[in-house]
Amino acid sequence: MTIHEIMSNQRAAVMRLRALRENRKPMPIKTKPVIVKIVKQEPAAPITVTQLAPGSMMVTLKRCIGVVSARYGIFEHLLLQDDRRTEVVRARWILFYVVKTLKKWSYPEIGRRLGNRDHSTVLNGCRKTIARMQKNSAFKVEVEGVINEVLGR
């Protein structure tokens, strides 16, 4: 079944629901049977504390937010809201970069967890942070310090 057939079936189902809601006679749906293959896959082994660097702490999103907010003197809730002040935006970009570097999540996942943002917003913030790190070595040392603090080094 192609994506177009699936989308067509979804549209037809929505039209049927609308017809039922409006007390009209719904159109019949012409569907094809869907065959689903279930593949057994071994779950990935979770990272244990012994696999981390000696003396380092487990990286959590809450820890990343806490370290960035403390380092830049910004309340944690402002990093997750739509505050457009420069200092908040730059700290948020650094947070995006730190989370992407340490957690290896996708851009959409980071966006969802940090204020329900679009993936392009997260991507833009990471790119801006990387570009600034390439131009300014002091800023690069500062961001590396944030990452080390999150890791507990």
N, C-alpha and C. Protein backbone atom coordinates (compact mmCIF):
# COMPACT_ATOMS: atom_id res chain seq x y z
N MET A 1 0.86 -1.17 0.00
CA MET A 1 0.00 0.00 0.00
C MET A 1 0.90 1.23 0.00
N THR A 2 0.66 2.13 -0.90
CA THR A 2 1.48 3.32 -1.00
C THR A 2 0.99 4.39 -0.04
N ILE A 3 1.83 5.39 0.14
CA ILE A 3 1.45 6.50 1.03
C ILE A 3 0.22 7.23 0.50
N HIS A 4 0.11 7.28 -0.82
CA HIS A 4 -1.05 7.97 -1.40
C HIS A 4 -2.35 7.22 -1.11
N GLU A 5 -2.30 5.89 -1.14
CA GLU A 5 -3.49 5.10 -0.81
C GLU A 5 -3.86 5.26 0.66
N ILE A 6 -2.84 5.28 1.52
CA ILE A 6 -3.10 5.48 2.95
C ILE A 6 -3.73 6.83 3.20
N MET A 7 -3.17 7.88 2.59
CA MET A 7 -3.72 9.23 2.76
C MET A 7 -5.14 9.30 2.22
N SER A 8 -5.40 8.63 1.10
CA SER A 8 -6.75 8.62 0.53
C SER A 8 -7.73 7.96 1.50
N ASN A 9 -7.31 6.85 2.11
CA ASN A 9 -8.18 6.18 3.08
C ASN A 9 -8.43 7.06 4.31
N GLN A 10 -7.41 7.81 4.74
CA GLN A 10 -7.60 8.70 5.88
C GLN A 10 -8.59 9.81 5.54
N ARG A 11 -8.44 10.38 4.34
CA ARG A 11 -9.38 11.44 3.93
C ARG A 11 -10.80 10.92 3.87
N ALA A 12 -10.96 9.70 3.33
CA ALA A 12 -12.29 9.11 3.23
C ALA A 12 -12.89 8.89 4.62
N ALA A 13 -12.07 8.44 5.56
CA ALA A 13 -12.56 8.21 6.92
C ALA A 13 -12.99 9.53 7.57
N VAL A 14 -12.23 10.58 7.34
CA VAL A 14 -12.59 11.89 7.89
C VAL A 14 -13.90 12.38 7.28
N MET A 15 -14.05 12.18 5.99
CA MET A 15 -15.30 12.60 5.32
C MET A 15 -16.49 11.82 5.87
N ARG A 16 -16.32 10.53 6.14
CA ARG A 16 -17.40 9.72 6.71
C ARG A 16 -17.78 10.24 8.09
N LEU A 17 -16.77 10.56 8.91
CA LEU A 17 -17.04 11.07 10.25
C LEU A 17 -17.79 12.40 10.20
N ARG A 18 -17.38 13.26 9.28
CA ARG A 18 -18.08 14.55 9.13
C ARG A 18 -19.53 14.33 8.71
N ALA A 19 -19.76 13.40 7.80
CA ALA A 19 -21.12 13.11 7.34
C ALA A 19 -21.97 12.59 8.49
N LEU A 20 -21.40 11.69 9.30
CA LEU A 20 -22.13 11.17 10.45
C LEU A 20 -22.45 12.27 11.45
N ARG A 21 -21.49 13.18 11.66
CA ARG A 21 -21.70 14.28 12.60
C ARG A 21 -22.81 15.21 12.11
N GLU A 22 -22.90 15.39 10.81
CA GLU A 22 -23.90 16.29 10.24
C GLU A 22 -25.18 15.56 9.86
N ASN A 23 -25.33 14.31 10.31
CA ASN A 23 -26.52 13.48 10.07
C ASN A 23 -26.81 13.30 8.59
N ARG A 24 -25.76 13.18 7.81
CA ARG A 24 -25.92 12.86 6.39
C ARG A 24 -25.56 11.40 6.19
N LYS A 25 -25.94 10.86 5.05
CA LYS A 25 -25.61 9.48 4.75
C LYS A 25 -24.14 9.42 4.31
N PRO A 26 -23.31 8.68 5.04
CA PRO A 26 -21.89 8.61 4.66
C PRO A 26 -21.68 7.78 3.40
N MET A 27 -20.64 8.15 2.65
CA MET A 27 -20.27 7.40 1.46
C MET A 27 -19.54 6.13 1.89
N PRO A 28 -19.73 5.04 1.16
CA PRO A 28 -18.99 3.83 1.52
C PRO A 28 -17.50 4.00 1.22
N ILE A 29 -16.69 3.35 2.02
CA ILE A 29 -15.24 3.43 1.84
C ILE A 29 -14.76 2.19 1.11
N LYS A 30 -13.95 2.40 0.07
CA LYS A 30 -13.35 1.29 -0.64
C LYS A 30 -11.93 1.14 -0.11
N THR A 31 -11.71 0.11 0.62
CA THR A 31 -10.38 -0.08 1.20
C THR A 31 -9.79 -1.41 0.76
N LYS A 32 -8.48 -1.46 0.83
CA LYS A 32 -7.76 -2.70 0.56
C LYS A 32 -7.25 -3.21 1.90
N PRO A 33 -7.14 -4.51 2.03
CA PRO A 33 -6.59 -5.03 3.29
C PRO A 33 -5.14 -4.62 3.45
N VAL A 34 -4.76 -4.34 4.68
CA VAL A 34 -3.41 -3.93 4.99
C VAL A 34 -2.68 -5.11 5.62
N ILE A 35 -1.51 -5.41 5.09
CA ILE A 35 -0.70 -6.49 5.63
C ILE A 35 0.44 -5.87 6.42
N VAL A 36 0.54 -6.25 7.68
CA VAL A 36 1.58 -5.71 8.55
C VAL A 36 2.54 -6.83 8.90
N LYS A 37 3.80 -6.60 8.64
CA LYS A 37 4.82 -7.57 9.01
C LYS A 37 5.45 -7.12 10.32
N ILE A 38 5.47 -8.01 11.28
CA ILE A 38 6.06 -7.70 12.58
C ILE A 38 7.46 -8.30 12.59
N VAL A 39 8.43 -7.44 12.79
CA VAL A 39 9.82 -7.87 12.82
C VAL A 39 10.29 -7.82 14.26
N LYS A 40 10.83 -8.93 14.71
CA LYS A 40 11.35 -8.96 16.08
C LYS A 40 12.73 -8.33 16.08
N GLN A 41 12.91 -7.36 16.93
CA GLN A 41 14.18 -6.65 17.01
C GLN A 41 14.64 -6.62 18.45
N GLU A 42 15.91 -6.87 18.63
CA GLU A 42 16.48 -6.84 19.97
C GLU A 42 16.51 -5.40 20.47
N PRO A 43 16.04 -5.15 21.69
CA PRO A 43 16.12 -3.79 22.22
C PRO A 43 17.57 -3.40 22.50
N ALA A 44 17.84 -2.13 22.28
CA ALA A 44 19.20 -1.63 22.53
C ALA A 44 19.47 -1.68 24.03
N ALA A 45 20.69 -2.01 24.36
CA ALA A 45 21.07 -2.09 25.77
C ALA A 45 21.13 -0.68 26.35
N PRO A 46 20.50 -0.44 27.49
CA PRO A 46 20.56 0.90 28.09
C PRO A 46 21.95 1.22 28.61
N ILE A 47 22.28 2.48 28.60
CA ILE A 47 23.57 2.91 29.12
C ILE A 47 23.53 2.81 30.64
N THR A 48 24.50 2.17 31.19
CA THR A 48 24.57 2.07 32.64
C THR A 48 25.58 3.08 33.16
N VAL A 49 25.54 3.31 34.45
CA VAL A 49 26.44 4.29 35.06
C VAL A 49 27.88 3.87 34.88
N THR A 50 28.16 2.58 34.82
CA THR A 50 29.54 2.13 34.67
C THR A 50 30.08 2.41 33.27
N GLN A 51 29.21 2.59 32.28
CA GLN A 51 29.66 2.88 30.93
C GLN A 51 30.00 4.36 30.74
N LEU A 52 29.57 5.20 31.64
CA LEU A 52 29.89 6.61 31.55
C LEU A 52 31.32 6.83 32.03
N ALA A 53 31.84 8.00 31.71
CA ALA A 53 33.20 8.33 32.15
C ALA A 53 33.25 8.31 33.68
N PRO A 54 34.37 7.91 34.26
CA PRO A 54 34.46 7.87 35.72
C PRO A 54 34.20 9.24 36.33
N GLY A 55 33.39 9.29 37.35
CA GLY A 55 33.10 10.54 38.03
C GLY A 55 32.03 11.38 37.34
N SER A 56 31.53 10.94 36.18
CA SER A 56 30.52 11.73 35.49
C SER A 56 29.12 11.34 35.97
N MET A 57 28.16 12.20 35.70
CA MET A 57 26.79 11.96 36.14
C MET A 57 25.93 11.60 34.94
N MET A 58 24.79 10.99 35.18
CA MET A 58 23.85 10.66 34.12
C MET A 58 23.29 11.96 33.56
N VAL A 59 23.23 12.06 32.25
CA VAL A 59 22.76 13.28 31.59
C VAL A 59 21.24 13.21 31.46
N THR A 60 20.54 14.19 32.03
CA THR A 60 19.10 14.30 31.87
C THR A 60 18.78 15.67 31.29
N LEU A 61 17.61 15.77 30.71
CA LEU A 61 17.19 17.04 30.15
C LEU A 61 17.07 18.09 31.25
N LYS A 62 16.55 17.68 32.39
CA LYS A 62 16.39 18.61 33.51
C LYS A 62 17.75 19.15 33.97
N ARG A 63 18.76 18.29 33.98
CA ARG A 63 20.10 18.73 34.36
C ARG A 63 20.65 19.73 33.33
N CYS A 64 20.46 19.45 32.05
CA CYS A 64 20.92 20.37 31.01
C CYS A 64 20.27 21.74 31.17
N ILE A 65 18.96 21.76 31.39
CA ILE A 65 18.24 23.02 31.57
C ILE A 65 18.75 23.74 32.81
N GLY A 66 18.94 23.02 33.90
CA GLY A 66 19.40 23.62 35.15
C GLY A 66 20.78 24.24 35.02
N VAL A 67 21.70 23.53 34.37
CA VAL A 67 23.06 24.04 34.22
C VAL A 67 23.08 25.29 33.34
N VAL A 68 22.38 25.25 32.21
CA VAL A 68 22.36 26.41 31.31
C VAL A 68 21.70 27.61 31.98
N SER A 69 20.60 27.39 32.69
CA SER A 69 19.92 28.52 33.34
C SER A 69 20.78 29.11 34.45
N ALA A 70 21.47 28.26 35.20
CA ALA A 70 22.34 28.76 36.26
C ALA A 70 23.55 29.50 35.68
N ARG A 71 24.12 28.96 34.63
CA ARG A 71 25.32 29.55 34.03
C ARG A 71 25.03 30.94 33.45
N TYR A 72 23.84 31.12 32.88
CA TYR A 72 23.51 32.39 32.22
C TYR A 72 22.55 33.26 33.03
N GLY A 73 22.20 32.82 34.23
CA GLY A 73 21.35 33.62 35.11
C GLY A 73 19.95 33.85 34.58
N ILE A 74 19.38 32.82 33.98
CA ILE A 74 18.04 32.92 33.40
C ILE A 74 17.17 31.86 34.07
N PHE A 75 15.95 32.24 34.42
CA PHE A 75 15.04 31.27 35.03
C PHE A 75 14.76 30.13 34.04
N GLU A 76 14.64 28.93 34.59
CA GLU A 76 14.43 27.75 33.75
C GLU A 76 13.18 27.85 32.88
N HIS A 77 12.10 28.39 33.44
CA HIS A 77 10.86 28.44 32.68
C HIS A 77 10.97 29.38 31.47
N LEU A 78 11.87 30.37 31.53
CA LEU A 78 12.04 31.27 30.38
C LEU A 78 12.69 30.56 29.20
N LEU A 79 13.52 29.55 29.47
CA LEU A 79 14.13 28.80 28.38
C LEU A 79 13.10 27.97 27.62
N LEU A 80 12.00 27.64 28.28
CA LEU A 80 10.98 26.81 27.66
C LEU A 80 9.82 27.62 27.09
N GLN A 81 9.79 28.93 27.37
CA GLN A 81 8.70 29.78 26.88
C GLN A 81 9.12 30.51 25.62
N ASP A 82 8.26 31.39 25.13
CA ASP A 82 8.51 32.13 23.90
C ASP A 82 9.11 33.51 24.15
N ASP A 83 10.01 33.60 25.09
CA ASP A 83 10.68 34.87 25.39
C ASP A 83 11.70 35.16 24.30
N ARG A 84 11.64 36.35 23.69
CA ARG A 84 12.51 36.67 22.56
C ARG A 84 13.66 37.60 22.92
N ARG A 85 13.87 37.83 24.21
CA ARG A 85 15.01 38.67 24.59
C ARG A 85 16.31 37.98 24.17
N THR A 86 17.27 38.78 23.74
CA THR A 86 18.52 38.24 23.19
C THR A 86 19.22 37.28 24.13
N GLU A 87 19.33 37.66 25.41
CA GLU A 87 20.05 36.79 26.34
C GLU A 87 19.34 35.46 26.54
N VAL A 88 18.01 35.47 26.50
CA VAL A 88 17.24 34.24 26.66
C VAL A 88 17.37 33.38 25.41
N VAL A 89 17.28 34.01 24.25
CA VAL A 89 17.37 33.27 22.98
C VAL A 89 18.73 32.62 22.84
N ARG A 90 19.80 33.35 23.15
CA ARG A 90 21.14 32.77 23.02
C ARG A 90 21.36 31.62 24.00
N ALA A 91 20.85 31.78 25.21
CA ALA A 91 20.96 30.68 26.18
C ALA A 91 20.16 29.47 25.70
N ARG A 92 19.01 29.71 25.10
CA ARG A 92 18.19 28.62 24.56
C ARG A 92 18.92 27.91 23.42
N TRP A 93 19.59 28.68 22.55
CA TRP A 93 20.37 28.08 21.47
C TRP A 93 21.47 27.19 22.02
N ILE A 94 22.13 27.66 23.08
CA ILE A 94 23.19 26.86 23.70
C ILE A 94 22.58 25.59 24.29
N LEU A 95 21.41 25.73 24.90
CA LEU A 95 20.72 24.55 25.44
C LEU A 95 20.41 23.56 24.32
N PHE A 96 19.93 24.04 23.18
CA PHE A 96 19.66 23.15 22.04
C PHE A 96 20.94 22.39 21.65
N TYR A 97 22.04 23.12 21.56
CA TYR A 97 23.31 22.51 21.16
C TYR A 97 23.78 21.48 22.18
N VAL A 98 23.70 21.82 23.45
CA VAL A 98 24.14 20.91 24.51
C VAL A 98 23.30 19.64 24.50
N VAL A 99 21.99 19.78 24.38
CA VAL A 99 21.11 18.60 24.37
C VAL A 99 21.39 17.76 23.13
N LYS A 100 21.55 18.39 21.98
CA LYS A 100 21.84 17.64 20.75
C LYS A 100 23.17 16.90 20.87
N THR A 101 24.16 17.53 21.47
CA THR A 101 25.47 16.93 21.60
C THR A 101 25.47 15.77 22.59
N LEU A 102 24.80 15.93 23.72
CA LEU A 102 24.87 14.92 24.77
C LEU A 102 23.81 13.84 24.67
N LYS A 103 22.62 14.19 24.24
CA LYS A 103 21.52 13.22 24.21
C LYS A 103 21.36 12.53 22.86
N LYS A 104 21.87 13.12 21.79
CA LYS A 104 21.78 12.53 20.44
C LYS A 104 20.33 12.34 19.99
N TRP A 105 19.44 13.21 20.45
CA TRP A 105 18.05 13.16 20.01
C TRP A 105 17.92 13.84 18.67
N SER A 106 16.84 13.57 17.98
CA SER A 106 16.56 14.26 16.72
C SER A 106 16.12 15.68 17.02
N TYR A 107 16.19 16.54 16.00
CA TYR A 107 15.76 17.93 16.18
C TYR A 107 14.28 18.02 16.55
N PRO A 108 13.40 17.24 15.91
CA PRO A 108 11.99 17.31 16.33
C PRO A 108 11.78 16.89 17.79
N GLU A 109 12.52 15.87 18.24
CA GLU A 109 12.40 15.42 19.63
C GLU A 109 12.84 16.50 20.61
N ILE A 110 13.96 17.15 20.30
CA ILE A 110 14.44 18.24 21.16
C ILE A 110 13.40 19.36 21.19
N GLY A 111 12.86 19.70 20.03
CA GLY A 111 11.85 20.75 19.96
C GLY A 111 10.62 20.44 20.78
N ARG A 112 10.15 19.19 20.70
CA ARG A 112 8.97 18.79 21.48
C ARG A 112 9.24 18.91 22.97
N ARG A 113 10.40 18.49 23.40
CA ARG A 113 10.70 18.48 24.84
C ARG A 113 11.07 19.85 25.39
N LEU A 114 11.47 20.76 24.53
CA LEU A 114 11.86 22.10 24.99
C LEU A 114 10.88 23.15 24.49
N GLY A 115 9.68 23.09 24.96
CA GLY A 115 8.70 24.13 24.67
C GLY A 115 7.89 23.90 23.42
N ASN A 116 7.85 22.67 22.91
CA ASN A 116 7.06 22.33 21.73
C ASN A 116 7.42 23.20 20.54
N ARG A 117 8.70 23.28 20.26
CA ARG A 117 9.20 24.09 19.15
C ARG A 117 9.33 23.25 17.88
N ASP A 118 9.36 23.93 16.76
CA ASP A 118 9.54 23.30 15.47
C ASP A 118 10.99 22.81 15.36
N HIS A 119 11.20 21.75 14.58
CA HIS A 119 12.57 21.22 14.43
C HIS A 119 13.50 22.23 13.77
N SER A 120 12.96 23.08 12.90
CA SER A 120 13.81 24.07 12.22
C SER A 120 14.33 25.13 13.20
N THR A 121 13.57 25.41 14.25
CA THR A 121 14.02 26.34 15.28
C THR A 121 15.22 25.76 16.02
N VAL A 122 15.15 24.48 16.35
CA VAL A 122 16.25 23.82 17.05
C VAL A 122 17.47 23.74 16.14
N LEU A 123 17.25 23.38 14.89
CA LEU A 123 18.35 23.29 13.93
C LEU A 123 19.03 24.64 13.76
N ASN A 124 18.24 25.71 13.64
CA ASN A 124 18.79 27.07 13.52
C ASN A 124 19.62 27.43 14.75
N GLY A 125 19.12 27.14 15.93
CA GLY A 125 19.84 27.44 17.16
C GLY A 125 21.16 26.70 17.25
N CYS A 126 21.16 25.42 16.87
CA CYS A 126 22.40 24.64 16.88
C CYS A 126 23.40 25.19 15.88
N ARG A 127 22.92 25.53 14.69
CA ARG A 127 23.81 26.08 13.67
C ARG A 127 24.41 27.41 14.10
N LYS A 128 23.59 28.26 14.71
CA LYS A 128 24.09 29.56 15.16
C LYS A 128 25.14 29.38 16.27
N THR A 129 24.90 28.43 17.17
CA THR A 129 25.86 28.16 18.24
C THR A 129 27.17 27.63 17.67
N ILE A 130 27.09 26.72 16.72
CA ILE A 130 28.30 26.16 16.10
C ILE A 130 29.07 27.25 15.37
N ALA A 131 28.35 28.09 14.62
CA ALA A 131 29.02 29.17 13.89
C ALA A 131 29.71 30.14 14.84
N ARG A 132 29.04 30.45 15.94
CA ARG A 132 29.64 31.37 16.92
C ARG A 132 30.85 30.72 17.60
N MET A 133 30.79 29.42 17.82
CA MET A 133 31.92 28.71 18.42
C MET A 133 33.12 28.70 17.48
N GLN A 134 32.87 28.62 16.19
CA GLN A 134 33.97 28.61 15.21
C GLN A 134 34.64 29.98 15.11
N LYS A 135 33.87 31.03 15.30
CA LYS A 135 34.41 32.39 15.20
C LYS A 135 35.07 32.85 16.49
N ASN A 136 34.56 32.39 17.63
CA ASN A 136 34.98 32.91 18.93
C ASN A 136 35.45 31.76 19.81
N SER A 137 36.77 31.67 20.01
CA SER A 137 37.32 30.55 20.79
C SER A 137 36.93 30.64 22.27
N ALA A 138 36.75 31.87 22.80
CA ALA A 138 36.34 32.02 24.19
C ALA A 138 34.92 31.48 24.38
N PHE A 139 34.06 31.70 23.39
CA PHE A 139 32.70 31.18 23.45
C PHE A 139 32.71 29.66 23.37
N LYS A 140 33.61 29.11 22.55
CA LYS A 140 33.74 27.66 22.44
C LYS A 140 34.14 27.06 23.78
N VAL A 141 35.08 27.68 24.47
CA VAL A 141 35.51 27.21 25.79
C VAL A 141 34.35 27.30 26.77
N GLU A 142 33.56 28.36 26.66
CA GLU A 142 32.40 28.55 27.54
C GLU A 142 31.37 27.44 27.34
N VAL A 143 31.06 27.11 26.09
CA VAL A 143 30.08 26.06 25.80
C VAL A 143 30.62 24.70 26.23
N GLU A 144 31.90 24.46 26.01
CA GLU A 144 32.50 23.21 26.46
C GLU A 144 32.46 23.11 27.99
N GLY A 145 32.59 24.25 28.66
CA GLY A 145 32.45 24.28 30.12
C GLY A 145 31.06 23.90 30.56
N VAL A 146 30.05 24.36 29.82
CA VAL A 146 28.66 24.00 30.12
C VAL A 146 28.49 22.49 29.95
N ILE A 147 29.02 21.95 28.85
CA ILE A 147 28.88 20.50 28.61
C ILE A 147 29.59 19.72 29.72
N ASN A 148 30.78 20.15 30.11
CA ASN A 148 31.50 19.46 31.18
C ASN A 148 30.75 19.54 32.51
N GLU A 149 30.12 20.68 32.76
CA GLU A 149 29.34 20.82 34.00
C GLU A 149 28.13 19.91 34.00
N VAL A 150 27.48 19.78 32.84
CA VAL A 150 26.34 18.87 32.74
C VAL A 150 26.80 17.42 32.98
N LEU A 151 27.98 17.09 32.45
CA LEU A 151 28.52 15.74 32.63
C LEU A 151 29.07 15.50 34.03
N GLY A 152 29.21 16.58 34.83
CA GLY A 152 29.70 16.45 36.19
C GLY A 152 31.21 16.35 36.28
N ARG A 153 31.90 16.88 35.29
CA ARG A 153 33.38 16.84 35.30
C ARG A 153 33.96 18.03 36.00
